[in-house]
C-alpha atoms as a PDB file:
ATOM      1  CA  MET A   1      50.631 -54.147  35.295  1.00  0.00           C
ATOM      2  CA  HIS A   2      53.471 -53.417  32.878  1.00  0.00           C
ATOM      3  CA  HIS A   3      50.975 -52.998  30.020  1.00  0.00           C
ATOM      4  CA  GLU A   4      48.916 -50.526  32.060  1.00  0.00           C
ATOM      5  CA  THR A   5      52.021 -48.499  32.868  1.00  0.00           C
ATOM      6  CA  PHE A   6      53.015 -48.460  29.194  1.00  0.00           C
ATOM      7  CA  MET A   7      49.552 -47.286  28.133  1.00  0.00           C
ATOM      8  CA  THR A   8      49.621 -44.543  30.778  1.00  0.00           C
ATOM      9  CA  LEU A   9      52.957 -43.295  29.455  1.00  0.00           C
ATOM     10  CA  ARG A  10      51.621 -43.322  25.888  1.00  0.00           C
ATOM     11  CA  MET A  11      48.526 -41.364  26.906  1.00  0.00           C
ATOM     12  CA  ARG A  12      50.624 -38.774  28.713  1.00  0.00           C
ATOM     13  CA  ALA A  13      52.996 -38.441  25.785  1.00  0.00           C
ATOM     14  CA  PHE A  14      50.139 -38.175  23.295  1.00  0.00           C
ATOM     15  CA  SER A  15      48.473 -35.498  25.444  1.00  0.00           C
ATOM     16  CA  ILE A  16      51.632 -33.378  25.076  1.00  0.00           C
ATOM     17  CA  HIS A  17      51.223 -33.527  21.292  1.00  0.00           C
ATOM     18  CA  LEU A  18      47.620 -32.418  21.731  1.00  0.00           C
ATOM     19  CA  LEU A  19      48.781 -29.526  23.908  1.00  0.00           C
ATOM     20  CA  THR A  20      51.309 -28.448  21.282  1.00  0.00           C
ATOM     21  CA  ALA A  21      48.672 -28.644  18.553  1.00  0.00           C
ATOM     22  CA  THR A  22      46.462 -26.155  20.410  1.00  0.00           C
ATOM     23  CA  GLY A  23      48.970 -23.532  19.261  1.00  0.00           C
ATOM     24  CA  ALA A  24      47.466 -23.792  15.782  1.00  0.00           C
ATOM     25  CA  VAL A  25      44.047 -22.946  17.222  1.00  0.00           C
ATOM     26  CA  PHE A  26      45.432 -19.926  19.058  1.00  0.00           C
ATOM     27  CA  ALA A  27      47.196 -18.835  15.863  1.00  0.00           C
ATOM     28  CA  MET A  28      43.885 -18.938  13.982  1.00  0.00           C
ATOM     29  CA  LEU A  29      42.123 -16.972  16.734  1.00  0.00           C
ATOM     30  CA  ALA A  30      44.919 -14.392  16.614  1.00  0.00           C
ATOM     31  CA  MET A  31      44.639 -14.171  12.834  1.00  0.00           C
ATOM     32  CA  LEU A  32      40.875 -13.611  13.003  1.00  0.00           C
ATOM     33  CA  ALA A  33      41.440 -10.795  15.482  1.00  0.00           C
ATOM     34  CA  ALA A  34      44.138  -9.308  13.220  1.00  0.00           C
ATOM     35  CA  VAL A  35      41.785  -9.296  10.238  1.00  0.00           C
ATOM     36  CA  LYS A  36      39.395  -7.178  12.324  1.00  0.00           C
ATOM     37  CA  ALA A  37      42.307  -4.919  13.432  1.00  0.00           C
ATOM     38  CA  GLU A  38      41.719  -5.966  17.054  1.00  0.00           C
ATOM     39  CA  TRP A  39      45.427  -5.827  17.832  1.00  0.00           C
ATOM     40  CA  ASP A  40      45.084  -6.147  21.589  1.00  0.00           C
ATOM     41  CA  ILE A  41      43.047  -9.338  21.246  1.00  0.00           C
ATOM     42  CA  MET A  42      45.460 -10.665  18.618  1.00  0.00           C
ATOM     43  CA  PHE A  43      48.490 -10.236  20.861  1.00  0.00           C
ATOM     44  CA  LEU A  44      46.709 -11.789  23.820  1.00  0.00           C
ATOM     45  CA  TRP A  45      46.048 -14.930  21.756  1.00  0.00           C
ATOM     46  CA  LEU A  46      49.670 -14.918  20.605  1.00  0.00           C
ATOM     47  CA  LEU A  47      50.785 -14.697  24.236  1.00  0.00           C
ATOM     48  CA  VAL A  48      48.648 -17.729  25.075  1.00  0.00           C
ATOM     49  CA  ALA A  49      50.386 -19.583  22.239  1.00  0.00           C
ATOM     50  CA  PHE A  50      53.736 -18.311  23.531  1.00  0.00           C
ATOM     51  CA  PHE A  51      52.940 -19.714  26.989  1.00  0.00           C
ATOM     52  CA  VAL A  52      51.999 -23.110  25.525  1.00  0.00           C
ATOM     53  CA  ASP A  53      55.208 -23.128  23.491  1.00  0.00           C
ATOM     54  CA  GLY A  54      57.173 -22.447  26.659  1.00  0.00           C
ATOM     55  CA  ILE A  55      55.780 -25.368  28.630  1.00  0.00           C
ATOM     56  CA  ASP A  56      55.227 -28.097  26.046  1.00  0.00           C
ATOM     57  CA  GLY A  57      58.948 -28.662  25.436  1.00  0.00           C
ATOM     58  CA  PRO A  58      59.874 -29.444  29.072  1.00  0.00           C
ATOM     59  CA  LEU A  59      56.758 -31.605  29.387  1.00  0.00           C
ATOM     60  CA  ALA A  60      57.629 -33.474  26.180  1.00  0.00           C
ATOM     61  CA  ARG A  61      61.136 -34.233  27.426  1.00  0.00           C
ATOM     62  CA  ARG A  62      59.811 -35.308  30.805  1.00  0.00           C
ATOM     63  CA  CYS A  63      57.321 -37.713  29.198  1.00  0.00           C
ATOM     64  CA  ASP A  64      59.851 -38.812  26.562  1.00  0.00           C
ATOM     65  CA  VAL A  65      57.414 -38.342  23.682  1.00  0.00           C
ATOM     66  CA  LYS A  66      59.935 -39.604  21.121  1.00  0.00           C
ATOM     67  CA  THR A  67      59.806 -43.016  22.780  1.00  0.00           C
ATOM     68  CA  ASN A  68      56.240 -43.143  24.058  1.00  0.00           C
ATOM     69  CA  ALA A  69      54.433 -41.418  21.166  1.00  0.00           C
ATOM     70  CA  PRO A  70      56.764 -41.734  18.179  1.00  0.00           C
ATOM     71  CA  GLU A  71      53.960 -41.680  15.591  1.00  0.00           C
ATOM     72  CA  PHE A  72      53.895 -37.885  15.749  1.00  0.00           C
ATOM     73  CA  ASP A  73      56.947 -35.711  15.142  1.00  0.00           C
ATOM     74  CA  GLY A  74      56.843 -33.182  17.944  1.00  0.00           C
ATOM     75  CA  ASN A  75      59.682 -31.110  16.493  1.00  0.00           C
ATOM     76  CA  LEU A  76      57.923 -30.742  13.148  1.00  0.00           C
ATOM     77  CA  LEU A  77      54.631 -29.907  14.840  1.00  0.00           C
ATOM     78  CA  ASP A  78      56.371 -27.297  16.952  1.00  0.00           C
ATOM     79  CA  LEU A  79      58.051 -25.699  13.924  1.00  0.00           C
ATOM     80  CA  ILE A  80      54.753 -25.457  12.026  1.00  0.00           C
ATOM     81  CA  ILE A  81      53.025 -23.719  14.915  1.00  0.00           C
ATOM     82  CA  ASP A  82      56.035 -21.490  15.648  1.00  0.00           C
ATOM     83  CA  TYR A  83      55.989 -20.275  12.050  1.00  0.00           C
ATOM     84  CA  LEU A  84      52.336 -19.350  12.400  1.00  0.00           C
ATOM     85  CA  THR A  85      52.572 -17.628  15.782  1.00  0.00           C
ATOM     86  CA  TYR A  86      56.095 -16.166  15.613  1.00  0.00           C
ATOM     87  CA  VAL A  87      56.221 -15.240  11.925  1.00  0.00           C
ATOM     88  CA  PHE A  88      53.047 -15.353   9.850  1.00  0.00           C
ATOM     89  CA  VAL A  89      50.509 -13.641  12.109  1.00  0.00           C
ATOM     90  CA  PRO A  90      52.926 -10.952  13.411  1.00  0.00           C
ATOM     91  CA  ALA A  91      54.109 -10.168   9.864  1.00  0.00           C
ATOM     92  CA  PHE A  92      50.511  -9.749   8.710  1.00  0.00           C
ATOM     93  CA  ALA A  93      49.766  -7.493  11.692  1.00  0.00           C
ATOM     94  CA  LEU A  94      52.781  -5.302  10.998  1.00  0.00           C
ATOM     95  CA  PHE A  95      51.708  -4.930   7.377  1.00  0.00           C
ATOM     96  CA  GLN A  96      47.995  -4.454   8.001  1.00  0.00           C
ATOM     97  CA  SER A  97      48.350  -2.034  10.918  1.00  0.00           C
ATOM     98  CA  GLY A  98      49.759   0.774   8.813  1.00  0.00           C
ATOM     99  CA  LEU A  99      52.712   1.257  11.179  1.00  0.00           C
ATOM    100  CA  MET A 100      54.964   0.804   8.155  1.00  0.00           C
ATOM    101  CA  ALA A 101      53.736   3.052   5.383  1.00  0.00           C
ATOM    102  CA  GLY A 102      53.634   2.281   1.668  1.00  0.00           C
ATOM    103  CA  TRP A 103      56.315   0.070   0.176  1.00  0.00           C
ATOM    104  CA  THR A 104      58.122  -0.401   3.506  1.00  0.00           C
ATOM    105  CA  GLY A 105      55.259  -2.553   4.743  1.00  0.00           C
ATOM    106  CA  TRP A 106      55.503  -4.773   1.681  1.00  0.00           C
ATOM    107  CA  VAL A 107      59.279  -5.087   2.059  1.00  0.00           C
ATOM    108  CA  ALA A 108      59.003  -6.005   5.737  1.00  0.00           C
ATOM    109  CA  LEU A 109      56.255  -8.559   5.010  1.00  0.00           C
ATOM    110  CA  LEU A 110      58.267 -10.287   2.283  1.00  0.00           C
ATOM    111  CA  ILE A 111      61.562 -10.220   4.186  1.00  0.00           C
ATOM    112  CA  ILE A 112      60.077 -11.661   7.363  1.00  0.00           C
ATOM    113  CA  THR A 113      58.163 -14.519   5.743  1.00  0.00           C
ATOM    114  CA  PHE A 114      60.851 -15.467   3.207  1.00  0.00           C
ATOM    115  CA  ALA A 115      63.873 -15.367   5.533  1.00  0.00           C
ATOM    116  CA  SER A 116      62.015 -17.172   8.306  1.00  0.00           C
ATOM    117  CA  ALA A 117      60.940 -20.008   6.002  1.00  0.00           C
ATOM    118  CA  LEU A 118      64.602 -20.612   5.152  1.00  0.00           C
ATOM    119  CA  TYR A 119      65.716 -20.349   8.764  1.00  0.00           C
ATOM    120  CA  PHE A 120      63.080 -22.738  10.094  1.00  0.00           C
ATOM    121  CA  ALA A 121      64.275 -25.364   7.614  1.00  0.00           C
ATOM    122  CA  ASP A 122      67.937 -24.956   8.605  1.00  0.00           C
ATOM    123  CA  THR A 123      69.140 -28.040  10.459  1.00  0.00           C
ATOM    124  CA  ARG A 124      71.962 -26.018  12.048  1.00  0.00           C
ATOM    125  CA  MET A 125      69.775 -23.581  13.936  1.00  0.00           C
ATOM    126  CA  LYS A 126      70.592 -25.088  17.360  1.00  0.00           C
ATOM    127  CA  THR A 127      73.980 -24.805  19.064  1.00  0.00           C
ATOM    128  CA  ARG A 128      75.513 -27.270  21.492  1.00  0.00           C
ATOM    129  CA  ASP A 129      74.374 -25.273  24.505  1.00  0.00           C
ATOM    130  CA  ASN A 130      70.764 -25.316  23.204  1.00  0.00           C
ATOM    131  CA  SER A 131      70.912 -21.711  22.056  1.00  0.00           C
ATOM    132  CA  PHE A 132      70.104 -20.588  18.509  1.00  0.00           C
ATOM    133  CA  SER A 133      72.619 -19.862  15.790  1.00  0.00           C
ATOM    134  CA  GLY A 134      71.260 -16.701  14.228  1.00  0.00           C
ATOM    135  CA  PHE A 135      68.158 -14.736  15.165  1.00  0.00           C
ATOM    136  CA  PRO A 136      65.502 -17.432  15.707  1.00  0.00           C
ATOM    137  CA  GLY A 137      62.634 -15.702  13.932  1.00  0.00           C
ATOM    138  CA  CYS A 138      60.813 -14.474  17.042  1.00  0.00           C
ATOM    139  CA  TRP A 139      59.131 -11.694  15.101  1.00  0.00           C
ATOM    140  CA  ASN A 140      56.226 -11.618  17.528  1.00  0.00           C
ATOM    141  CA  MET A 141      58.587 -10.064  20.074  1.00  0.00           C
ATOM    142  CA  LEU A 142      59.746  -7.339  17.689  1.00  0.00           C
ATOM    143  CA  VAL A 143      56.283  -6.581  16.358  1.00  0.00           C
ATOM    144  CA  ILE A 144      54.736  -6.117  19.785  1.00  0.00           C
ATOM    145  CA  VAL A 145      57.547  -3.699  20.672  1.00  0.00           C
ATOM    146  CA  ILE A 146      56.852  -1.766  17.458  1.00  0.00           C
ATOM    147  CA  PHE A 147      53.165  -1.636  18.352  1.00  0.00           C
ATOM    148  CA  ALA A 148      54.041  -0.409  21.847  1.00  0.00           C
ATOM    149  CA  ILE A 149      56.577   2.326  21.045  1.00  0.00           C
ATOM    150  CA  LYS A 150      55.449   3.149  17.473  1.00  0.00           C
ATOM    151  CA  PRO A 151      58.819   4.257  16.091  1.00  0.00           C
ATOM    152  CA  ASN A 152      59.332   5.951  12.732  1.00  0.00           C
ATOM    153  CA  PHE A 153      58.707   3.462   9.924  1.00  0.00           C
ATOM    154  CA  TRP A 154      62.311   3.811   8.787  1.00  0.00           C
ATOM    155  CA  VAL A 155      63.437   2.648  12.227  1.00  0.00           C
ATOM    156  CA  SER A 156      61.045  -0.292  12.042  1.00  0.00           C
ATOM    157  CA  LEU A 157      62.306  -1.229   8.585  1.00  0.00           C
ATOM    158  CA  GLY A 158      65.898  -0.994   9.792  1.00  0.00           C
ATOM    159  CA  MET A 159      65.176  -3.339  12.719  1.00  0.00           C
ATOM    160  CA  VAL A 160      63.428  -5.838  10.451  1.00  0.00           C
ATOM    161  CA  ALA A 161      66.297  -5.796   7.946  1.00  0.00           C
ATOM    162  CA  ALA A 162      68.972  -6.102  10.659  1.00  0.00           C
ATOM    163  CA  LEU A 163      67.303  -9.071  12.336  1.00  0.00           C
ATOM    164  CA  ALA A 164      66.655 -10.772   8.996  1.00  0.00           C
ATOM    165  CA  VAL A 165      70.373 -10.569   8.215  1.00  0.00           C
ATOM    166  CA  ALA A 166      71.175 -11.730  11.752  1.00  0.00           C
ATOM    167  CA  MET A 167      69.271 -14.958  11.082  1.00  0.00           C
ATOM    168  CA  PHE A 168      72.165 -16.123   8.902  1.00  0.00           C
ATOM    169  CA  LEU A 169      75.117 -14.725  10.830  1.00  0.00           C
ATOM    170  CA  PRO A 170      77.233 -16.634  13.385  1.00  0.00           C
ATOM    171  CA  LEU A 171      75.536 -14.864  16.273  1.00  0.00           C
ATOM    172  CA  ARG A 172      74.108 -16.701  19.245  1.00  0.00           C
ATOM    173  CA  PHE A 173      70.635 -16.085  20.679  1.00  0.00           C
ATOM    174  CA  ILE A 174      69.572 -17.742  23.907  1.00  0.00           C
ATOM    175  CA  HIS A 175      66.651 -20.046  24.547  1.00  0.00           C
ATOM    176  CA  PRO A 176      65.373 -18.770  27.937  1.00  0.00           C
ATOM    177  CA  VAL A 177      64.428 -22.275  29.086  1.00  0.00           C
ATOM    178  CA  ARG A 178      67.066 -24.545  27.520  1.00  0.00           C
ATOM    179  CA  THR A 179      70.210 -22.397  27.540  1.00  0.00           C
ATOM    180  CA  ALA A 180      71.755 -23.222  30.921  1.00  0.00           C
ATOM    181  CA  ARG A 181      74.142 -20.281  31.084  1.00  0.00           C
ATOM    182  CA  TRP A 182      72.485 -17.268  32.776  1.00  0.00           C
ATOM    183  CA  ARG A 183      69.200 -19.177  32.936  1.00  0.00           C
ATOM    184  CA  ILE A 184      68.704 -17.928  36.491  1.00  0.00           C
ATOM    185  CA  VAL A 185      68.331 -14.465  34.926  1.00  0.00           C
ATOM    186  CA  SER A 186      67.007 -15.321  31.462  1.00  0.00           C
ATOM    187  CA  LEU A 187      63.998 -17.398  32.506  1.00  0.00           C
ATOM    188  CA  PRO A 188      62.576 -14.843  34.989  1.00  0.00           C
ATOM    189  CA  LEU A 189      63.125 -12.060  32.449  1.00  0.00           C
ATOM    190  CA  ALA A 190      61.337 -14.081  29.750  1.00  0.00           C
ATOM    191  CA  ILE A 191      58.392 -14.521  32.133  1.00  0.00           C
ATOM    192  CA  THR A 192      58.571 -10.807  32.942  1.00  0.00           C
ATOM    193  CA  TRP A 193      58.566 -10.017  29.217  1.00  0.00           C
ATOM    194  CA  THR A 194      55.379 -12.072  28.858  1.00  0.00           C
ATOM    195  CA  GLY A 195      53.810 -10.072  31.681  1.00  0.00           C
ATOM    196  CA  PHE A 196      54.764  -6.732  30.137  1.00  0.00           C
ATOM    197  CA  ALA A 197      53.517  -7.869  26.729  1.00  0.00           C
ATOM    198  CA  GLY A 198      50.183  -8.937  28.198  1.00  0.00           C
ATOM    199  CA  TRP A 199      49.939  -5.660  30.119  1.00  0.00           C
ATOM    200  CA  ALA A 200      50.674  -3.614  26.987  1.00  0.00           C
ATOM    201  CA  ALA A 201      48.058  -5.496  24.982  1.00  0.00           C
ATOM    202  CA  TRP A 202      45.511  -5.313  27.796  1.00  0.00           C
ATOM    203  CA  VAL A 203      45.690  -1.493  27.890  1.00  0.00           C
ATOM    204  CA  ASP A 204      45.669  -1.413  24.073  1.00  0.00           C
ATOM    205  CA  PHE A 205      49.250  -0.066  23.931  1.00  0.00           C
ATOM    206  CA  HIS A 206      48.459   3.107  25.850  1.00  0.00           C
ATOM    207  CA  PRO A 207      51.368   5.537  25.371  1.00  0.00           C
ATOM    208  CA  GLU A 208      51.628   6.316  29.096  1.00  0.00           C
ATOM    209  CA  SER A 209      51.829   2.689  30.199  1.00  0.00           C
ATOM    210  CA  TRP A 210      55.023   1.540  31.918  1.00  0.00           C
ATOM    211  CA  ALA A 211      54.659  -1.692  29.994  1.00  0.00           C
ATOM    212  CA  ARG A 212      56.384  -0.026  27.035  1.00  0.00           C
ATOM    213  CA  LEU A 213      59.595   0.550  28.987  1.00  0.00           C
ATOM    214  CA  GLY A 214      59.468  -2.938  30.459  1.00  0.00           C
ATOM    215  CA  LEU A 215      59.072  -4.453  26.993  1.00  0.00           C
ATOM    216  CA  VAL A 216      62.062  -2.543  25.645  1.00  0.00           C
ATOM    217  CA  ILE A 217      64.335  -3.508  28.569  1.00  0.00           C
ATOM    218  CA  THR A 218      63.428  -7.202  28.666  1.00  0.00           C
ATOM    219  CA  SER A 219      63.456  -7.522  24.858  1.00  0.00           C
ATOM    220  CA  THR A 220      66.918  -5.944  24.697  1.00  0.00           C
ATOM    221  CA  TYR A 221      68.270  -8.490  27.189  1.00  0.00           C
ATOM    222  CA  LEU A 222      66.688 -11.487  25.445  1.00  0.00           C
ATOM    223  CA  LEU A 223      68.022 -10.244  22.114  1.00  0.00           C
ATOM    224  CA  CYS A 224      71.584  -9.500  23.254  1.00  0.00           C
ATOM    225  CA  ALA A 225      72.291 -12.075  25.979  1.00  0.00           C
ATOM    226  CA  GLY A 226      73.520 -14.777  23.591  1.00  0.00           C
ATOM    227  CA  ILE A 227      75.866 -12.390  21.792  1.00  0.00           C
ATOM    228  CA  LEU A 228      77.246 -11.253  25.149  1.00  0.00           C
ATOM    229  CA  GLN A 229      77.859 -14.899  26.057  1.00  0.00           C
ATOM    230  CA  GLN A 230      79.938 -15.250  22.896  1.00  0.00           C
ATOM    231  CA  ILE A 231      82.014 -12.230  23.890  1.00  0.00           C
ATOM    232  CA  LEU A 232      82.387 -12.987  27.598  1.00  0.00           C
ATOM    233  CA  PRO A 233      84.189 -16.253  28.495  1.00  0.00           C
ATOM    234  CA  GLU A 234      82.305 -18.600  30.754  1.00  0.00           C
ATOM    235  CA  ARG A 235      83.664 -18.639  34.287  1.00  0.00           C
ATOM    236  CA  GLY A 236      85.846 -21.632  35.052  1.00  0.00           C
ATOM    237  CA  ILE A 237      87.025 -22.244  31.473  1.00  0.00           C
ATOM    238  CA  SER A 238      90.774 -22.622  31.314  1.00  0.00           C
ATOM    239  CA  HIS A 239      93.237 -23.393  28.572  1.00  0.00           C
ATOM    240  CA  ARG A 240      94.849 -25.987  30.826  1.00  0.00           C
ATOM    241  CA  ARG A 241      92.816 -29.011  29.828  1.00  0.00           C
ATOM    242  CA  SER A 242      93.709 -32.393  28.535  1.00  0.00           C
ATOM    243  CA  GLY A 243      92.223 -35.227  26.536  1.00  0.00           C
ATOM    244  CA  HIS A 244      88.521 -34.926  25.758  1.00  0.00           C
ATOM    245  CA  GLN A 245      88.211 -31.613  27.641  1.00  0.00           C
ATOM    246  CA  ALA A 246      90.812 -29.988  25.398  1.00  0.00           C
ATOM    247  CA  SER A 247      89.111 -31.284  22.268  1.00  0.00           C
ATOM    248  CA  LEU A 248      85.837 -29.661  23.277  1.00  0.00           C
ATOM    249  CA  LEU A 249      87.470 -26.250  23.043  1.00  0.00           C
ATOM    250  CA  TRP A 250      88.092 -26.771  19.350  1.00  0.00           C
ATOM    251  CA  HIS A 251      84.924 -28.573  18.251  1.00  0.00           C
ATOM    252  CA  ARG A 252      82.795 -26.282  16.158  1.00  0.00           C
ATOM    253  CA  PRO A 253      79.746 -25.042  18.052  1.00  0.00           C
ATOM    254  CA  THR A 254      77.295 -23.913  15.391  1.00  0.00           C
ATOM    255  CA  GLY A 255      77.937 -20.299  14.662  1.00  0.00           C
ATOM    256  CA  TRP A 256      81.727 -20.073  15.268  1.00  0.00           C
ATOM    257  CA  TYR A 257      82.427 -19.568  11.591  1.00  0.00           C
ATOM    258  CA  PRO A 258      80.086 -18.779   8.668  1.00  0.00           C
ATOM    259  CA  ARG A 259      77.199 -21.132   7.974  1.00  0.00           C
ATOM    260  CA  SER A 260      78.755 -21.856   4.578  1.00  0.00           C
ATOM    261  CA  GLY A 261      81.104 -24.178   6.444  1.00  0.00           C
ATOM    262  CA  VAL A 262      84.302 -22.355   5.464  1.00  0.00           C
ATOM    263  CA  GLN A 263      86.808 -22.954   8.218  1.00  0.00           C
ATOM    264  CA  PRO A 264      89.134 -20.265   9.537  1.00  0.00           C
ATOM    265  CA  PRO A 265      92.818 -20.880   8.793  1.00  0.00           C
ATOM    266  CA  PHE A 266      93.700 -21.533  12.434  1.00  0.00           C
ATOM    267  CA  LEU A 267      91.353 -24.526  12.827  1.00  0.00           C
ATOM    268  CA  PRO A 268      93.574 -27.237  11.254  1.00  0.00           C
ATOM    269  CA  VAL A 269      96.444 -26.095  13.482  1.00  0.00           C
ATOM    270  CA  ALA A 270      94.151 -26.206  16.483  1.00  0.00           C
ATOM    271  CA  ARG A 271      93.104 -29.747  15.667  1.00  0.00           C
ATOM    272  CA  ARG A 272      96.725 -30.873  15.399  1.00  0.00           C
ATOM    273  CA  PHE A 273      97.335 -29.201  18.748  1.00  0.00           C
ATOM    274  CA  VAL A 274      94.469 -31.159  20.299  1.00  0.00           C
ATOM    275  CA  PHE A 275      95.753 -34.405  18.750  1.00  0.00           C
ATOM    276  CA  ASN A 276      99.200 -33.801  20.224  1.00  0.00           C
ATOM    277  CA  ARG A 277      97.672 -32.993  23.603  1.00  0.00           C
ATOM    278  CA  ARG A 278      95.722 -36.252  23.512  1.00  0.00           C
ATOM    279  CA  THR A 279      98.782 -38.247  22.479  1.00  0.00           C
ATOM    280  CA  CYS A 280     100.857 -36.734  25.268  1.00  0.00           C
ATOM    281  CA  ALA A 281      98.096 -37.290  27.795  1.00  0.00           C
ATOM    282  CA  GLY A 282      97.842 -40.944  26.745  1.00  0.00           C
ATOM    283  CA  ALA A 283     101.595 -41.379  26.952  1.00  0.00           C
ATOM    284  CA  THR A 284     101.806 -39.951  30.433  1.00  0.00           C
ATOM    285  CA  GLY A 285      98.645 -41.620  31.689  1.00  0.00           C
END
């Protein structure tokens, strides 16, 4: 009985790896459509991959794939497929579409692929609240907006350059599923973004479609929500804490100070303050 239960858990966990791996198939189908300049079909395949990427993580944690199917590294598999669907195919589409004329297309292509390769290998990309430190390389979201609104190529180049720099700045970007703060808003808006993106692709980015406005609004929220969370204090946080709670205020969440690891001058003082608070709390406890 125990053996049968164990085998069932292994099969479920292994099936999650198979589900994740289908993203590579959808990436190839999207690439084939991009080669033929069938941009609507390409984005629809990318949205299918986006949907799979959104559900395989929660399923993997529920089935505990690290314990029940440890032979395969789900994180590595996910990163490989994310690079294909979030970076490689969208960058090719932006270049091949002609929306960025001449040398600007080459610059955007090289910036996106090079910066994203570095970012995806950065072990500090995740923060303690399961957000991302730096723009997480979701170029598929930017590229579909560019296809929808067709801005001047200088504007497109400026957005690409700004987000590439933002990948290595101490700015926070939410994960709509895993970032608990504002998830009640973020998750529905991420699903809404998927709907608008599918709508825009389905009508072949018709200029009179309301999907364009919906994409801009939802993309702006998903892009800026994490930075707003850094600016706005979380409700219920108070400076009157003791012991372990006080120490949490001064632990470095990834992205507080530059990724080079240089600490601001106030941090040693803050740590001594926490130590004194702990000592006093222990003495009075």
